[in-house]
């Protein structure tokens, strides 16, 4: 199957899609769940993005997540493992037919309060507070999606340097603002 990368204008439905997924995932994780955050470009009002709802899930015990894997499977999530992110479990929900699929939701599960959580939330907050940066990032994403419509690795590699710079700026802004 080929994964399709498509960037679109902001969709007012994205916050409600997040809330629906948050509710379903929280029910499966139960008391192990600490918080579920909407992250990624779909949380930034007005920003162009892939129509993928990114959820950052904080849990008490990462090892316990495997015990509810069947429930996450039932919700349509495929278990990807760590995906080269230390201390993380990644899952994806896809939609599509025939030989082309699009990602619909990404779950990144971490034990609560770690540096990965801080980094993701800082980027989210920074993009929400800096429309100019969100616009610049959106243009990059749109161009990469046009260049790599069926090459997720090419798309991700194309934005890697920008994302690293964005993360550094977001963490510095967050620390200076006293947000985290």
Protein backbone atom coordinates (compact mmCIF):
# COMPACT_ATOMS: atom_id res chain seq x y z
CA UNK A 1 0.00 0.00 0.00
CA UNK A 2 1.12 3.51 -0.77
CA UNK A 3 0.71 6.23 1.84
CA UNK A 4 -0.59 9.50 0.41
CA UNK A 5 0.76 12.80 1.75
CA UNK A 6 -1.74 15.62 1.25
CA UNK A 7 -1.68 19.10 2.80
CA UNK A 8 -4.89 21.11 2.98
CA UNK A 9 -6.21 24.38 4.36
CA UNK A 10 -7.25 24.51 8.01
CA UNK A 11 -10.45 22.58 8.72
CA UNK A 12 -12.75 23.76 11.52
CA UNK A 13 -13.69 20.09 12.13
CA UNK A 14 -10.19 19.19 13.39
CA UNK A 15 -10.75 20.23 17.04
CA UNK A 16 -13.90 18.08 17.22
CA UNK A 17 -12.12 15.13 15.61
CA UNK A 18 -9.46 15.47 18.30
CA UNK A 19 -12.08 15.50 21.07
CA UNK A 20 -13.72 12.35 19.69
CA UNK A 21 -10.39 10.49 19.49
CA UNK A 22 -9.33 11.77 22.91
CA UNK A 23 -12.47 10.40 24.50
CA UNK A 24 -12.15 6.98 22.87
CA UNK A 25 -8.43 6.62 23.65
CA UNK A 26 -8.89 7.78 27.26
CA UNK A 27 -11.61 5.17 27.76
CA UNK A 28 -9.25 2.42 26.57
CA UNK A 29 -6.28 3.61 28.65
CA UNK A 30 -8.35 4.11 31.79
CA UNK A 31 -6.66 5.12 35.03
CA UNK A 32 -3.19 4.84 33.46
CA UNK A 33 -3.98 7.95 31.39
CA UNK A 34 -2.77 11.28 32.82
CA UNK A 35 -3.51 13.66 29.92
CA UNK A 36 -4.16 13.71 26.18
CA UNK A 37 -3.03 16.77 24.23
CA UNK A 38 -3.83 17.89 20.69
CA UNK A 39 -0.48 18.62 19.04
CA UNK A 40 0.72 19.04 15.47
CA UNK A 41 -0.38 21.46 12.80
CA UNK A 42 -4.09 20.63 13.03
CA UNK A 43 -4.22 22.35 16.42
CA UNK A 44 -2.98 25.70 15.03
CA UNK A 45 -5.94 27.84 13.90
CA UNK A 46 -5.62 28.80 10.24
CA UNK A 47 -2.53 26.69 9.53
CA UNK A 48 -2.38 24.45 6.50
CA UNK A 49 -1.67 20.87 7.48
CA UNK A 50 -1.95 17.23 6.65
CA UNK A 51 -5.40 16.20 7.77
CA UNK A 52 -3.90 14.06 10.54
CA UNK A 53 -4.95 14.50 14.16
CA UNK A 54 -1.86 14.17 16.36
CA UNK A 55 -2.49 13.14 19.95
CA UNK A 56 0.20 13.23 22.62
CA UNK A 57 -0.80 10.85 25.38
CA UNK A 58 0.75 11.01 28.85
CA UNK A 59 0.45 7.86 30.95
CA UNK A 60 1.60 6.83 34.42
CA UNK A 61 3.26 3.62 33.23
CA UNK A 62 4.32 3.12 29.62
CA UNK A 63 4.65 -0.64 30.10
CA UNK A 64 0.94 -0.92 30.96
CA UNK A 65 -0.08 0.38 27.53
CA UNK A 66 0.66 -3.02 25.98
CA UNK A 67 -2.03 -4.55 28.20
CA UNK A 68 -4.71 -2.49 26.41
CA UNK A 69 -3.35 -3.00 22.92
CA UNK A 70 -6.48 -4.92 21.93
CA UNK A 71 -8.63 -1.92 22.79
CA UNK A 72 -6.44 0.38 20.71
CA UNK A 73 -6.59 -2.15 17.86
CA UNK A 74 -10.39 -2.08 18.15
CA UNK A 75 -10.30 1.72 17.71
CA UNK A 76 -8.39 1.17 14.45
CA UNK A 77 -4.87 1.92 15.63
CA UNK A 78 -1.85 0.02 14.32
CA UNK A 79 1.00 -0.44 16.80
CA UNK A 80 4.28 0.91 15.39
CA UNK A 81 6.47 0.66 18.48
CA UNK A 82 9.02 3.32 19.44
CA UNK A 83 9.64 4.72 15.92
CA UNK A 84 13.15 5.80 16.96
CA UNK A 85 11.70 8.00 19.74
CA UNK A 86 13.11 6.97 23.13
CA UNK A 87 10.45 6.25 25.75
CA UNK A 88 7.59 6.36 23.28
CA UNK A 89 4.95 4.10 21.82
CA UNK A 90 3.67 5.25 18.43
CA UNK A 91 0.38 4.20 16.86
CA UNK A 92 -1.36 5.22 13.63
CA UNK A 93 -4.93 5.08 12.38
CA UNK A 94 -5.30 5.13 8.60
CA UNK A 95 -8.10 5.49 6.10
CA UNK A 96 -8.22 4.58 2.45
CA UNK A 97 -9.05 1.96 -0.08
CA UNK A 98 -7.29 -0.20 -2.59
CA UNK A 99 -3.58 0.54 -2.65
CA UNK A 100 -3.57 4.15 -1.31
CA UNK A 101 -4.02 5.11 2.34
CA UNK A 102 -3.79 8.34 4.30
CA UNK A 103 -2.93 8.66 7.95
CA UNK A 104 -5.92 9.84 9.96
CA UNK A 105 -4.58 9.95 13.55
CA UNK A 106 -1.21 9.57 15.21
CA UNK A 107 -0.79 8.64 18.86
CA UNK A 108 2.48 9.27 20.63
CA UNK A 109 2.39 7.79 24.13
CA UNK A 110 4.92 8.87 26.77
CA UNK A 111 5.21 8.61 30.51
CA UNK A 112 3.98 11.94 31.85
CA UNK A 113 6.13 14.99 32.29
CA UNK A 114 9.21 13.99 30.31
CA UNK A 115 11.32 16.09 27.93
CA UNK A 116 9.52 14.74 24.84
CA UNK A 117 6.21 15.99 26.25
CA UNK A 118 7.73 19.39 27.02
CA UNK A 119 9.17 19.63 23.50
CA UNK A 120 5.92 18.77 21.72
CA UNK A 121 3.84 21.14 23.85
CA UNK A 122 6.35 23.97 23.42
CA UNK A 123 6.19 23.63 19.61
CA UNK A 124 2.40 23.56 19.69
CA UNK A 125 2.18 26.66 21.88
CA UNK A 126 4.86 28.48 19.88
CA UNK A 127 3.08 27.90 16.57
CA UNK A 128 -0.24 29.02 18.07
CA UNK A 129 1.41 32.23 19.32
CA UNK A 130 3.39 32.97 16.13
CA UNK A 131 1.15 33.04 13.05
CA UNK A 132 4.05 34.13 10.84
CA UNK A 133 6.07 31.04 11.75
CA UNK A 134 3.00 28.81 11.33
CA UNK A 135 2.46 30.30 7.86
CA UNK A 136 6.09 29.73 6.87
CA UNK A 137 5.98 26.15 8.14
CA UNK A 138 2.70 25.56 6.31
CA UNK A 139 4.23 26.73 3.02
CA UNK A 140 7.13 24.33 3.50
CA UNK A 141 4.75 21.45 4.22
CA UNK A 142 2.58 22.20 1.19
CA UNK A 143 5.62 22.31 -1.09
CA UNK A 144 6.98 19.05 0.30
CA UNK A 145 3.60 17.32 -0.06
CA UNK A 146 3.50 18.34 -3.72
CA UNK A 147 7.05 17.12 -4.22
CA UNK A 148 6.64 13.85 -2.25
CA UNK A 149 2.94 12.88 -2.52
CA UNK A 150 3.63 9.16 -2.01
CA UNK A 151 6.95 9.31 -0.17
CA UNK A 152 6.46 9.86 3.59
CA UNK A 153 10.19 9.50 4.22
CA UNK A 154 11.00 12.18 1.63
CA UNK A 155 8.35 14.47 3.10
CA UNK A 156 9.71 14.03 6.65
CA UNK A 157 13.35 14.39 5.56
CA UNK A 158 12.47 17.60 3.71
CA UNK A 159 11.19 19.26 6.85
CA UNK A 160 13.69 17.80 9.34
CA UNK A 161 16.09 20.76 9.52
CA UNK A 162 13.22 23.23 9.76
CA UNK A 163 11.56 21.24 12.55
CA UNK A 164 14.79 21.04 14.54
CA UNK A 165 15.19 24.82 14.29
CA UNK A 166 11.53 25.30 15.20
CA UNK A 167 11.94 23.08 18.27
CA UNK A 168 14.95 25.06 19.47
CA UNK A 169 13.09 28.36 19.04
CA UNK A 170 9.96 26.98 20.72
CA UNK A 171 11.86 25.62 23.73
CA UNK A 172 13.75 28.91 24.19
CA UNK A 173 10.50 30.90 23.88
CA UNK A 174 8.72 28.58 26.31
CA UNK A 175 11.52 28.84 28.88
CA UNK A 176 11.70 32.64 28.53
CA UNK A 177 7.92 32.89 28.84
CA UNK A 178 7.87 30.70 31.93
CA UNK A 179 5.32 28.38 30.29
CA UNK A 180 7.07 25.08 31.09
